[in-house]
Amino acid sequence: MKRYDLRHLKTEFEPRMKELLATHSAGEVAIFLFEIGDFTPIQKSADLVKECGYELMNSLKFNEVDWTIVAKKA
């Protein structure tokens, strides 16, 4: 299991998230933390997880501005 803090990237976290997802092998779990802003990134991140061959295990609001995604490589 690996945890990645992408909050410093603000709304530009998707390219880095995709890059990190490509490094995992089957069965590995990745946890991503990012800022949500207007909630648009939530659906985008869920779509990206699916596109990269991962199973979305959890998606939840961490606090007022942060969101956490937990994904497992299929």
PDB file of N, CA and C in Angstrom:
ATOM      1  N   MET A   1       0.845  -1.160   0.000  1.00  0.00           N
ATOM      2  CA  MET A   1       0.000   0.000   0.000  1.00  0.00           C
ATOM      3  C   MET A   1       0.899   1.233   0.000  1.00  0.00           C
ATOM      4  N   LYS A   2       0.594   2.159  -0.904  1.00  0.00           N
ATOM      5  CA  LYS A   2       1.352   3.400  -0.982  1.00  0.00           C
ATOM      6  C   LYS A   2       0.390   4.581  -0.923  1.00  0.00           C
ATOM      7  N   ARG A   3       0.830   5.636  -0.243  1.00  0.00           N
ATOM      8  CA  ARG A   3       0.014   6.838  -0.081  1.00  0.00           C
ATOM      9  C   ARG A   3       0.702   7.989  -0.805  1.00  0.00           C
ATOM     10  N   TYR A   4      -0.101   8.750  -1.564  1.00  0.00           N
ATOM     11  CA  TYR A   4       0.428   9.870  -2.320  1.00  0.00           C
ATOM     12  C   TYR A   4      -0.351  11.133  -1.984  1.00  0.00           C
ATOM     13  N   ASP A   5       0.355  12.171  -1.604  1.00  0.00           N
ATOM     14  CA  ASP A   5      -0.245  13.461  -1.293  1.00  0.00           C
ATOM     15  C   ASP A   5      -0.084  14.361  -2.515  1.00  0.00           C
ATOM     16  N   LEU A   6      -1.188  14.609  -3.203  1.00  0.00           N
ATOM     17  CA  LEU A   6      -1.162  15.426  -4.421  1.00  0.00           C
ATOM     18  C   LEU A   6      -1.784  16.798  -4.196  1.00  0.00           C
ATOM     19  N   ARG A   7      -1.986  17.171  -2.953  1.00  0.00           N
ATOM     20  CA  ARG A   7      -2.634  18.453  -2.640  1.00  0.00           C
ATOM     21  C   ARG A   7      -1.853  19.643  -3.167  1.00  0.00           C
ATOM     22  N   HIS A   8      -0.545  19.552  -3.203  1.00  0.00           N
ATOM     23  CA  HIS A   8       0.277  20.674  -3.669  1.00  0.00           C
ATOM     24  C   HIS A   8       0.070  20.970  -5.158  1.00  0.00           C
ATOM     25  N   LEU A   9      -0.499  20.026  -5.892  1.00  0.00           N
ATOM     26  CA  LEU A   9      -0.748  20.200  -7.324  1.00  0.00           C
ATOM     27  C   LEU A   9      -2.074  20.903  -7.618  1.00  0.00           C
ATOM     28  N   LYS A  10      -2.858  21.149  -6.574  1.00  0.00           N
ATOM     29  CA  LYS A  10      -4.176  21.797  -6.689  1.00  0.00           C
ATOM     30  C   LYS A  10      -5.022  21.022  -7.692  1.00  0.00           C
ATOM     31  N   THR A  11      -5.585  21.692  -8.714  1.00  0.00           N
ATOM     32  CA  THR A  11      -6.474  21.032  -9.679  1.00  0.00           C
ATOM     33  C   THR A  11      -5.720  20.315 -10.789  1.00  0.00           C
ATOM     34  N   GLU A  12      -4.404  20.392 -10.800  1.00  0.00           N
ATOM     35  CA  GLU A  12      -3.581  19.776 -11.851  1.00  0.00           C
ATOM     36  C   GLU A  12      -2.975  18.442 -11.407  1.00  0.00           C
ATOM     37  N   PHE A  13      -3.700  17.694 -10.603  1.00  0.00           N
ATOM     38  CA  PHE A  13      -3.162  16.455 -10.039  1.00  0.00           C
ATOM     39  C   PHE A  13      -3.309  15.247 -10.964  1.00  0.00           C
ATOM     40  N   GLU A  14      -4.214  15.304 -11.936  1.00  0.00           N
ATOM     41  CA  GLU A  14      -4.521  14.131 -12.761  1.00  0.00           C
ATOM     42  C   GLU A  14      -3.330  13.539 -13.514  1.00  0.00           C
ATOM     43  N   PRO A  15      -2.507  14.331 -14.201  1.00  0.00           N
ATOM     44  CA  PRO A  15      -1.354  13.714 -14.898  1.00  0.00           C
ATOM     45  C   PRO A  15      -0.423  12.961 -13.946  1.00  0.00           C
ATOM     46  N   ARG A  16      -0.171  13.535 -12.780  1.00  0.00           N
ATOM     47  CA  ARG A  16       0.712  12.870 -11.804  1.00  0.00           C
ATOM     48  C   ARG A  16       0.055  11.609 -11.256  1.00  0.00           C
ATOM     49  N   MET A  17      -1.254  11.677 -11.014  1.00  0.00           N
ATOM     50  CA  MET A  17      -1.976  10.508 -10.505  1.00  0.00           C
ATOM     51  C   MET A  17      -1.907   9.369 -11.529  1.00  0.00           C
ATOM     52  N   LYS A  18      -2.083   9.684 -12.792  1.00  0.00           N
ATOM     53  CA  LYS A  18      -2.023   8.667 -13.847  1.00  0.00           C
ATOM     54  C   LYS A  18      -0.623   8.058 -13.926  1.00  0.00           C
ATOM     55  N   GLU A  19       0.381   8.899 -13.801  1.00  0.00           N
ATOM     56  CA  GLU A  19       1.769   8.437 -13.813  1.00  0.00           C
ATOM     57  C   GLU A  19       2.033   7.469 -12.655  1.00  0.00           C
ATOM     58  N   LEU A  20       1.535   7.806 -11.481  1.00  0.00           N
ATOM     59  CA  LEU A  20       1.733   6.951 -10.308  1.00  0.00           C
ATOM     60  C   LEU A  20       0.962   5.638 -10.424  1.00  0.00           C
ATOM     61  N   LEU A  21      -0.239   5.686 -10.958  1.00  0.00           N
ATOM     62  CA  LEU A  21      -1.029   4.465 -11.134  1.00  0.00           C
ATOM     63  C   LEU A  21      -0.330   3.480 -12.061  1.00  0.00           C
ATOM     64  N   ALA A  22       0.398   3.983 -13.023  1.00  0.00           N
ATOM     65  CA  ALA A  22       1.091   3.116 -13.986  1.00  0.00           C
ATOM     66  C   ALA A  22       2.248   2.348 -13.352  1.00  0.00           C
ATOM     67  N   THR A  23       2.680   2.742 -12.154  1.00  0.00           N
ATOM     68  CA  THR A  23       3.834   2.097 -11.530  1.00  0.00           C
ATOM     69  C   THR A  23       3.484   0.904 -10.648  1.00  0.00           C
ATOM     70  N   HIS A  24       2.212   0.679 -10.391  1.00  0.00           N
ATOM     71  CA  HIS A  24       1.792  -0.383  -9.481  1.00  0.00           C
ATOM     72  C   HIS A  24       1.614  -1.717 -10.200  1.00  0.00           C
ATOM     73  N   SER A  25       1.776  -2.796  -9.444  1.00  0.00           N
ATOM     74  CA  SER A  25       1.532  -4.126  -9.997  1.00  0.00           C
ATOM     75  C   SER A  25       0.196  -4.653  -9.452  1.00  0.00           C
ATOM     76  N   ALA A  26      -0.272  -5.746 -10.005  1.00  0.00           N
ATOM     77  CA  ALA A  26      -1.576  -6.316  -9.639  1.00  0.00           C
ATOM     78  C   ALA A  26      -1.684  -6.547  -8.136  1.00  0.00           C
ATOM     79  N   GLY A  27      -2.812  -6.167  -7.577  1.00  0.00           N
ATOM     80  CA  GLY A  27      -3.084  -6.379  -6.164  1.00  0.00           C
ATOM     81  C   GLY A  27      -2.635  -5.243  -5.260  1.00  0.00           C
ATOM     82  N   GLU A  28      -1.818  -4.328  -5.759  1.00  0.00           N
ATOM     83  CA  GLU A  28      -1.345  -3.219  -4.934  1.00  0.00           C
ATOM     84  C   GLU A  28      -2.446  -2.180  -4.729  1.00  0.00           C
ATOM     85  N   VAL A  29      -2.402  -1.548  -3.570  1.00  0.00           N
ATOM     86  CA  VAL A  29      -3.370  -0.517  -3.215  1.00  0.00           C
ATOM     87  C   VAL A  29      -2.664   0.833  -3.192  1.00  0.00           C
ATOM     88  N   ALA A  30      -3.332   1.827  -3.749  1.00  0.00           N
ATOM     89  CA  ALA A  30      -2.812   3.193  -3.756  1.00  0.00           C
ATOM     90  C   ALA A  30      -3.833   4.114  -3.099  1.00  0.00           C
ATOM     91  N   ILE A  31      -3.347   5.026  -2.277  1.00  0.00           N
ATOM     92  CA  ILE A  31      -4.194   6.012  -1.620  1.00  0.00           C
ATOM     93  C   ILE A  31      -3.746   7.389  -2.100  1.00  0.00           C
ATOM     94  N   PHE A  32      -4.689   8.166  -2.619  1.00  0.00           N
ATOM     95  CA  PHE A  32      -4.385   9.501  -3.127  1.00  0.00           C
ATOM     96  C   PHE A  32      -5.151  10.545  -2.339  1.00  0.00           C
ATOM     97  N   LEU A  33      -4.465  11.607  -1.996  1.00  0.00           N
ATOM     98  CA  LEU A  33      -5.062  12.730  -1.295  1.00  0.00           C
ATOM     99  C   LEU A  33      -4.926  13.950  -2.196  1.00  0.00           C
ATOM    100  N   PHE A  34      -6.055  14.621  -2.485  1.00  0.00           N
ATOM    101  CA  PHE A  34      -6.013  15.800  -3.345  1.00  0.00           C
ATOM    102  C   PHE A  34      -7.081  16.799  -2.920  1.00  0.00           C
ATOM    103  N   GLU A  35      -6.958  18.033  -3.396  1.00  0.00           N
ATOM    104  CA  GLU A  35      -7.934  19.073  -3.096  1.00  0.00           C
ATOM    105  C   GLU A  35      -9.120  18.936  -4.042  1.00  0.00           C
ATOM    106  N   ILE A  36     -10.326  19.165  -3.499  1.00  0.00           N
ATOM    107  CA  ILE A  36     -11.511  18.974  -4.324  1.00  0.00           C
ATOM    108  C   ILE A  36     -12.046  20.238  -4.965  1.00  0.00           C
ATOM    109  N   GLY A  37     -11.905  21.389  -4.347  1.00  0.00           N
ATOM    110  CA  GLY A  37     -12.411  22.623  -4.935  1.00  0.00           C
ATOM    111  C   GLY A  37     -13.898  22.540  -5.187  1.00  0.00           C
ATOM    112  N   ASP A  38     -14.295  22.472  -6.456  1.00  0.00           N
ATOM    113  CA  ASP A  38     -15.716  22.475  -6.843  1.00  0.00           C
ATOM    114  C   ASP A  38     -16.293  21.070  -7.064  1.00  0.00           C
ATOM    115  N   PHE A  39     -15.672  20.050  -6.585  1.00  0.00           N
ATOM    116  CA  PHE A  39     -16.096  18.648  -6.680  1.00  0.00           C
ATOM    117  C   PHE A  39     -15.930  18.038  -8.070  1.00  0.00           C
ATOM    118  N   THR A  40     -15.547  18.807  -9.078  1.00  0.00           N
ATOM    119  CA  THR A  40     -15.308  18.257 -10.415  1.00  0.00           C
ATOM    120  C   THR A  40     -14.204  17.195 -10.411  1.00  0.00           C
ATOM    121  N   PRO A  41     -13.117  17.403  -9.662  1.00  0.00           N
ATOM    122  CA  PRO A  41     -12.035  16.400  -9.664  1.00  0.00           C
ATOM    123  C   PRO A  41     -12.440  15.026  -9.136  1.00  0.00           C
ATOM    124  N   ILE A  42     -13.506  14.950  -8.376  1.00  0.00           N
ATOM    125  CA  ILE A  42     -13.912  13.664  -7.809  1.00  0.00           C
ATOM    126  C   ILE A  42     -14.315  12.692  -8.908  1.00  0.00           C
ATOM    127  N   GLN A  43     -15.181  13.119  -9.816  1.00  0.00           N
ATOM    128  CA  GLN A  43     -15.597  12.248 -10.907  1.00  0.00           C
ATOM    129  C   GLN A  43     -14.434  11.981 -11.851  1.00  0.00           C
ATOM    130  N   LYS A  44     -13.631  12.993 -12.114  1.00  0.00           N
ATOM    131  CA  LYS A  44     -12.468  12.818 -12.994  1.00  0.00           C
ATOM    132  C   LYS A  44     -11.502  11.778 -12.433  1.00  0.00           C
ATOM    133  N   SER A  45     -11.276  11.830 -11.133  1.00  0.00           N
ATOM    134  CA  SER A  45     -10.346  10.868 -10.519  1.00  0.00           C
ATOM    135  C   SER A  45     -10.927   9.459 -10.543  1.00  0.00           C
ATOM    136  N   ALA A  46     -12.228   9.332 -10.321  1.00  0.00           N
ATOM    137  CA  ALA A  46     -12.868   8.011 -10.380  1.00  0.00           C
ATOM    138  C   ALA A  46     -12.779   7.439 -11.793  1.00  0.00           C
ATOM    139  N   ASP A  47     -12.983   8.277 -12.794  1.00  0.00           N
ATOM    140  CA  ASP A  47     -12.872   7.837 -14.184  1.00  0.00           C
ATOM    141  C   ASP A  47     -11.440   7.434 -14.516  1.00  0.00           C
ATOM    142  N   LEU A  48     -10.471   8.180 -14.007  1.00  0.00           N
ATOM    143  CA  LEU A  48      -9.065   7.881 -14.238  1.00  0.00           C
ATOM    144  C   LEU A  48      -8.675   6.542 -13.610  1.00  0.00           C
ATOM    145  N   VAL A  49      -9.156   6.287 -12.414  1.00  0.00           N
ATOM    146  CA  VAL A  49      -8.886   5.023 -11.729  1.00  0.00           C
ATOM    147  C   VAL A  49      -9.386   3.854 -12.580  1.00  0.00           C
ATOM    148  N   LYS A  50     -10.591   3.968 -13.080  1.00  0.00           N
ATOM    149  CA  LYS A  50     -11.172   2.905 -13.910  1.00  0.00           C
ATOM    150  C   LYS A  50     -10.399   2.746 -15.226  1.00  0.00           C
ATOM    151  N   GLU A  51     -10.062   3.867 -15.843  1.00  0.00           N
ATOM    152  CA  GLU A  51      -9.324   3.865 -17.106  1.00  0.00           C
ATOM    153  C   GLU A  51      -7.961   3.171 -16.973  1.00  0.00           C
ATOM    154  N   CYS A  52      -7.344   3.299 -15.812  1.00  0.00           N
ATOM    155  CA  CYS A  52      -6.021   2.721 -15.569  1.00  0.00           C
ATOM    156  C   CYS A  52      -6.074   1.273 -15.086  1.00  0.00           C
ATOM    157  N   GLY A  53      -7.272   0.679 -15.040  1.00  0.00           N
ATOM    158  CA  GLY A  53      -7.391  -0.729 -14.668  1.00  0.00           C
ATOM    159  C   GLY A  53      -7.417  -0.982 -13.171  1.00  0.00           C
ATOM    160  N   TYR A  54      -7.849  -0.003 -12.412  1.00  0.00           N
ATOM    161  CA  TYR A  54      -7.941  -0.127 -10.960  1.00  0.00           C
ATOM    162  C   TYR A  54      -9.394  -0.256 -10.528  1.00  0.00           C
ATOM    163  N   GLU A  55      -9.578  -0.815  -9.351  1.00  0.00           N
ATOM    164  CA  GLU A  55     -10.893  -0.883  -8.718  1.00  0.00           C
ATOM    165  C   GLU A  55     -10.946   0.227  -7.668  1.00  0.00           C
ATOM    166  N   LEU A  56     -11.967   1.064  -7.730  1.00  0.00           N
ATOM    167  CA  LEU A  56     -12.136   2.124  -6.747  1.00  0.00           C
ATOM    168  C   LEU A  56     -12.708   1.503  -5.480  1.00  0.00           C
ATOM    169  N   MET A  57     -11.913   1.494  -4.430  1.00  0.00           N
ATOM    170  CA  MET A  57     -12.326   0.853  -3.191  1.00  0.00           C
ATOM    171  C   MET A  57     -12.996   1.823  -2.226  1.00  0.00           C
ATOM    172  N   ASN A  58     -12.578   3.099  -2.262  1.00  0.00           N
ATOM    173  CA  ASN A  58     -13.138   4.079  -1.350  1.00  0.00           C
ATOM    174  C   ASN A  58     -12.891   5.472  -1.903  1.00  0.00           C
ATOM    175  N   SER A  59     -13.819   6.358  -1.654  1.00  0.00           N
ATOM    176  CA  SER A  59     -13.702   7.752  -2.060  1.00  0.00           C
ATOM    177  C   SER A  59     -14.430   8.560  -1.001  1.00  0.00           C
ATOM    178  N   LEU A  60     -13.695   9.387  -0.272  1.00  0.00           N
ATOM    179  CA  LEU A  60     -14.343  10.120   0.808  1.00  0.00           C
ATOM    180  C   LEU A  60     -13.719  11.474   1.071  1.00  0.00           C
ATOM    181  N   LYS A  61     -14.543  12.334   1.625  1.00  0.00           N
ATOM    182  CA  LYS A  61     -14.097  13.672   1.988  1.00  0.00           C
ATOM    183  C   LYS A  61     -13.269  13.557   3.256  1.00  0.00           C
ATOM    184  N   PHE A  62     -12.035  14.050   3.189  1.00  0.00           N
ATOM    185  CA  PHE A  62     -11.101  13.944   4.303  1.00  0.00           C
ATOM    186  C   PHE A  62     -11.315  15.079   5.298  1.00  0.00           C
ATOM    187  N   ASN A  63     -11.513  16.275   4.801  1.00  0.00           N
ATOM    188  CA  ASN A  63     -11.834  17.451   5.620  1.00  0.00           C
ATOM    189  C   ASN A  63     -12.559  18.445   4.714  1.00  0.00           C
ATOM    190  N   GLU A  64     -12.548  19.718   5.031  1.00  0.00           N
ATOM    191  CA  GLU A  64     -13.300  20.694   4.237  1.00  0.00           C
ATOM    192  C   GLU A  64     -12.811  20.854   2.801  1.00  0.00           C
ATOM    193  N   VAL A  65     -11.538  20.623   2.543  1.00  0.00           N
ATOM    194  CA  VAL A  65     -11.003  20.856   1.195  1.00  0.00           C
ATOM    195  C   VAL A  65     -10.315  19.652   0.555  1.00  0.00           C
ATOM    196  N   ASP A  66     -10.111  18.594   1.291  1.00  0.00           N
ATOM    197  CA  ASP A  66      -9.349  17.452   0.771  1.00  0.00           C
ATOM    198  C   ASP A  66     -10.230  16.227   0.552  1.00  0.00           C
ATOM    199  N   TRP A  67      -9.820  15.433  -0.418  1.00  0.00           N
ATOM    200  CA  TRP A  67     -10.542  14.208  -0.767  1.00  0.00           C
ATOM    201  C   TRP A  67      -9.538  13.067  -0.809  1.00  0.00           C
ATOM    202  N   THR A  68      -9.980  11.881  -0.429  1.00  0.00           N
ATOM    203  CA  THR A  68      -9.123  10.700  -0.451  1.00  0.00           C
ATOM    204  C   THR A  68      -9.740   9.641  -1.360  1.00  0.00           C
ATOM    205  N   ILE A  69      -8.908   9.065  -2.206  1.00  0.00           N
ATOM    206  CA  ILE A  69      -9.311   7.972  -3.103  1.00  0.00           C
ATOM    207  C   ILE A  69      -8.434   6.769  -2.761  1.00  0.00           C
ATOM    208  N   VAL A  70      -9.059   5.613  -2.601  1.00  0.00           N
ATOM    209  CA  VAL A  70      -8.331   4.369  -2.387  1.00  0.00           C
ATOM    210  C   VAL A  70      -8.639   3.462  -3.574  1.00  0.00           C
ATOM    211  N   ALA A  71      -7.599   3.002  -4.252  1.00  0.00           N
ATOM    212  CA  ALA A  71      -7.769   2.186  -5.445  1.00  0.00           C
ATOM    213  C   ALA A  71      -6.842   0.972  -5.404  1.00  0.00           C
ATOM    214  N   LYS A  72      -7.325  -0.128  -5.968  1.00  0.00           N
ATOM    215  CA  LYS A  72      -6.549  -1.370  -5.994  1.00  0.00           C
ATOM    216  C   LYS A  72      -6.364  -1.805  -7.445  1.00  0.00           C
ATOM    217  N   LYS A  73      -5.134  -2.127  -7.790  1.00  0.00           N
ATOM    218  CA  LYS A  73      -4.823  -2.592  -9.146  1.00  0.00           C
ATOM    219  C   LYS A  73      -5.457  -3.958  -9.381  1.00  0.00           C
ATOM    220  N   ALA A  74      -6.230  -4.054 -10.448  1.00  0.00           N
ATOM    221  CA  ALA A  74      -6.927  -5.311 -10.762  1.00  0.00           C
ATOM    222  C   ALA A  74      -5.973  -6.358 -11.288  1.00  0.00           C
TER     223      ALA A  74
END
